[in-house]
Every structure is written in structure tokens, then in C-alpha cells.
Amino acid sequence: IGAWFCPDATPTLSVSEHPPSPLTNGRMTVEDSASLMALLDAVQHHKQRGEAGPYWAAPGRPTFQQFSAAVEAGDPLAKRLLEQAAVHHAWLTHHVALLLDPDRIILAGPLLDLPGYFPLVQRTCLEAGGDDLHRRVTRTELGP
């Protein structure tokens, strides 16, 4: 999406821990706060500070597969990060609907492969934009 900003978004990492691009005037983009890389960066940050639970004890950088398994196992850190990402994506979806009024908004990307992510986005869209927005949001059927 480039330079779209979520003004009320709580980033997965604070600005001091993961500074936004100088091109964004100090604001965080959706990619800074709610992409797969942002989620994995946040887990890595928590691991380095000793704040990640035992699920993240394996050495090395967290992977998508580890994050997915952590979500499935109910890891509190993975769950919190996934919920934050869903709020950011629902906010973006709501504003796309307000700006463009499309019949369908099709979501795609690796986060949709995480257990429970799409229902989280749908629920948050329902809260943000009501049933009309909720009915418009769907996920791609083209595969990874």
C-alpha cells in the first residue's frame, strides 16, 4: 500500500525499537506495523529482551512456521501480535471501502495462512464498518 498510515495503530514495536522510514515523516506504515516481517521482528525483539515465552526458546530468528504453530498453541505473544495486525488490516479495509466503495475487498498475503487470522480481520471489520463492510471482505482463492 506504500505510504498509507494508520494513525491510531499501536505498532508491534515502539518507534524507538523499530524506527519508521525517513520517507514517512516519522509515521509508521501498515507494513511497519502489520506485515509478516513486522510480526517476526516483534517476536525477535521480545526474544532478545527475554520477554518471549518458552515457545520461542529455539535459537535463531523466528520463522513463519514457528509463528503459525505458536498461534495454534495459544502463545500469548503470538496471539497479541496477530490481534494487533488484524486491527490494522481492518482499519485499512474500512477506509478502502469508504474511499472506493467496491463490491468486494479481496485480502491476500501470508498472514491469511495463519490460524484464525481471517476470522479476526472479519470480526474487526464488522466492529469498524458494520455488516455491510463485513459482507464485502473475502480472502483470495488463488492460493499462496
Protein backbone atom coordinates (compact mmCIF):
# COMPACT_ATOMS: atom_id res chain seq x y z
CA ILE A 1 0.00 0.00 0.00
CA GLY A 2 3.04 2.23 0.20
CA ALA A 3 2.56 5.28 2.37
CA TRP A 4 -0.87 4.70 3.92
CA PHE A 5 -0.75 5.40 7.63
CA CYS A 6 -2.88 4.04 10.43
CA PRO A 7 -2.94 7.00 12.84
CA ASP A 8 -4.33 5.13 15.84
CA ALA A 9 -2.36 1.94 15.27
CA THR A 10 -0.27 0.55 18.06
CA PRO A 11 2.84 -0.72 16.31
CA THR A 12 4.13 -4.17 17.10
CA LEU A 13 7.35 -2.43 18.16
CA SER A 14 7.75 1.07 19.51
CA VAL A 15 9.19 3.71 17.21
CA SER A 16 12.44 3.72 19.19
CA GLU A 17 12.84 -0.03 18.72
CA HIS A 18 11.87 -0.13 15.05
CA PRO A 19 12.14 3.35 13.56
CA PRO A 20 9.90 4.08 10.59
CA SER A 21 11.38 5.01 7.27
CA PRO A 22 12.60 8.62 6.98
CA LEU A 23 10.33 8.85 3.94
CA THR A 24 7.25 8.58 6.16
CA ASN A 25 7.86 11.69 8.30
CA GLY A 26 8.10 9.63 11.48
CA ARG A 27 4.79 7.81 10.98
CA MET A 28 4.52 4.05 10.72
CA THR A 29 3.03 2.41 7.67
CA VAL A 30 0.85 -0.68 7.71
CA GLU A 31 3.91 -2.59 6.51
CA ASP A 32 5.87 -1.33 9.55
CA SER A 33 3.22 -2.50 11.97
CA ALA A 34 1.19 -5.34 10.50
CA SER A 35 3.15 -7.33 7.93
CA LEU A 36 4.59 -10.79 8.40
CA MET A 37 8.08 -9.28 8.69
CA ALA A 38 6.87 -6.80 11.33
CA LEU A 39 5.37 -9.64 13.37
CA LEU A 40 8.55 -11.72 13.14
CA ASP A 41 10.66 -8.65 14.01
CA ALA A 42 8.48 -8.09 17.07
CA VAL A 43 8.92 -11.69 18.22
CA GLN A 44 12.68 -11.41 17.69
CA HIS A 45 12.74 -8.20 19.73
CA HIS A 46 10.84 -9.86 22.59
CA LYS A 47 13.16 -12.88 22.41
CA GLN A 48 16.23 -10.65 22.71
CA ARG A 49 14.76 -8.91 25.76
CA GLY A 50 13.81 -12.21 27.38
CA GLU A 51 10.12 -11.37 27.18
CA ALA A 52 9.02 -14.17 24.86
CA GLY A 53 7.59 -17.31 26.40
CA PRO A 54 9.06 -20.81 26.23
CA TYR A 55 7.53 -21.33 22.80
CA TRP A 56 10.25 -19.05 21.39
CA ALA A 57 13.24 -20.72 23.11
CA ALA A 58 14.71 -22.13 19.87
CA PRO A 59 17.82 -20.27 18.73
CA GLY A 60 17.74 -18.08 15.65
CA ARG A 61 15.25 -15.77 14.05
CA PRO A 62 11.57 -16.75 14.30
CA THR A 63 10.02 -18.22 11.17
CA PHE A 64 6.54 -18.16 9.70
CA GLN A 65 6.13 -21.83 10.62
CA GLN A 66 7.07 -21.14 14.26
CA PHE A 67 4.71 -18.18 14.42
CA SER A 68 1.89 -20.24 12.93
CA ALA A 69 2.49 -23.08 15.41
CA ALA A 70 2.63 -20.56 18.28
CA VAL A 71 -0.72 -19.09 17.25
CA GLU A 72 -2.21 -22.56 17.04
CA ALA A 73 -0.82 -23.41 20.50
CA GLY A 74 -2.29 -20.22 22.01
CA ASP A 75 1.03 -18.46 22.73
CA PRO A 76 0.11 -15.09 24.32
CA LEU A 77 2.73 -13.08 22.40
CA ALA A 78 1.73 -14.52 19.02
CA LYS A 79 -1.95 -14.01 19.82
CA ARG A 80 -1.45 -10.37 20.84
CA LEU A 81 0.64 -9.57 17.75
CA LEU A 82 -1.87 -11.29 15.47
CA GLU A 83 -4.76 -9.34 17.01
CA GLN A 84 -2.89 -6.05 16.51
CA ALA A 85 -2.24 -6.90 12.87
CA ALA A 86 -5.92 -7.75 12.35
CA VAL A 87 -6.96 -4.36 13.75
CA HIS A 88 -4.57 -2.58 11.39
CA HIS A 89 -5.80 -4.53 8.37
CA ALA A 90 -9.45 -4.00 9.29
CA TRP A 91 -8.77 -0.25 9.61
CA LEU A 92 -7.21 -0.24 6.15
CA THR A 93 -10.06 -2.31 4.71
CA HIS A 94 -12.64 0.02 6.24
CA HIS A 95 -11.00 3.05 4.65
CA VAL A 96 -10.63 1.39 1.26
CA ALA A 97 -14.37 0.71 1.41
CA LEU A 98 -15.10 4.33 2.35
CA LEU A 99 -12.88 5.73 -0.41
CA LEU A 100 -13.68 3.39 -3.28
CA ASP A 101 -16.97 1.68 -2.36
CA PRO A 102 -16.05 -1.64 -4.02
CA ASP A 103 -18.44 -4.60 -4.17
CA ARG A 104 -15.71 -6.89 -2.83
CA ILE A 105 -12.47 -6.37 -0.97
CA ILE A 106 -10.23 -9.36 -1.51
CA LEU A 107 -7.45 -9.89 1.01
CA ALA A 108 -4.28 -11.77 0.14
CA GLY A 109 -0.90 -12.43 1.69
CA PRO A 110 0.89 -14.74 4.09
CA LEU A 111 -0.92 -13.57 7.22
CA LEU A 112 -4.11 -15.15 5.87
CA ASP A 113 -2.39 -18.53 6.19
CA LEU A 114 -2.07 -18.07 9.95
CA PRO A 115 -4.64 -19.97 12.01
CA GLY A 116 -7.63 -17.78 12.80
CA TYR A 117 -6.31 -14.62 11.15
CA PHE A 118 -9.05 -14.12 8.56
CA PRO A 119 -11.89 -14.51 11.10
CA LEU A 120 -10.10 -11.94 13.31
CA VAL A 121 -9.98 -9.47 10.41
CA GLN A 122 -13.62 -10.16 9.58
CA ARG A 123 -14.74 -9.63 13.19
CA THR A 124 -12.76 -6.39 13.41
CA CYS A 125 -14.22 -5.22 10.08
CA LEU A 126 -17.68 -5.91 11.46
CA GLU A 127 -16.87 -3.78 14.50
CA ALA A 128 -15.35 -0.98 12.38
CA GLY A 129 -17.75 -0.81 9.46
CA GLY A 130 -20.78 -2.89 10.30
CA ASP A 131 -22.36 -5.73 8.40
CA ASP A 132 -22.02 -4.01 5.02
CA LEU A 133 -18.21 -4.00 5.28
CA HIS A 134 -18.13 -7.47 6.81
CA ARG A 135 -20.05 -8.94 3.84
CA ARG A 136 -17.67 -7.35 1.31
CA VAL A 137 -14.46 -8.74 2.78
CA THR A 138 -13.25 -12.06 1.42
CA ARG A 139 -9.94 -13.82 1.00
CA THR A 140 -8.22 -14.74 -2.21
CA GLU A 141 -8.87 -18.18 -3.63
CA LEU A 142 -5.79 -18.13 -5.86
CA GLY A 143 -3.57 -19.83 -3.29
CA PRO A 144 -0.14 -18.83 -1.96
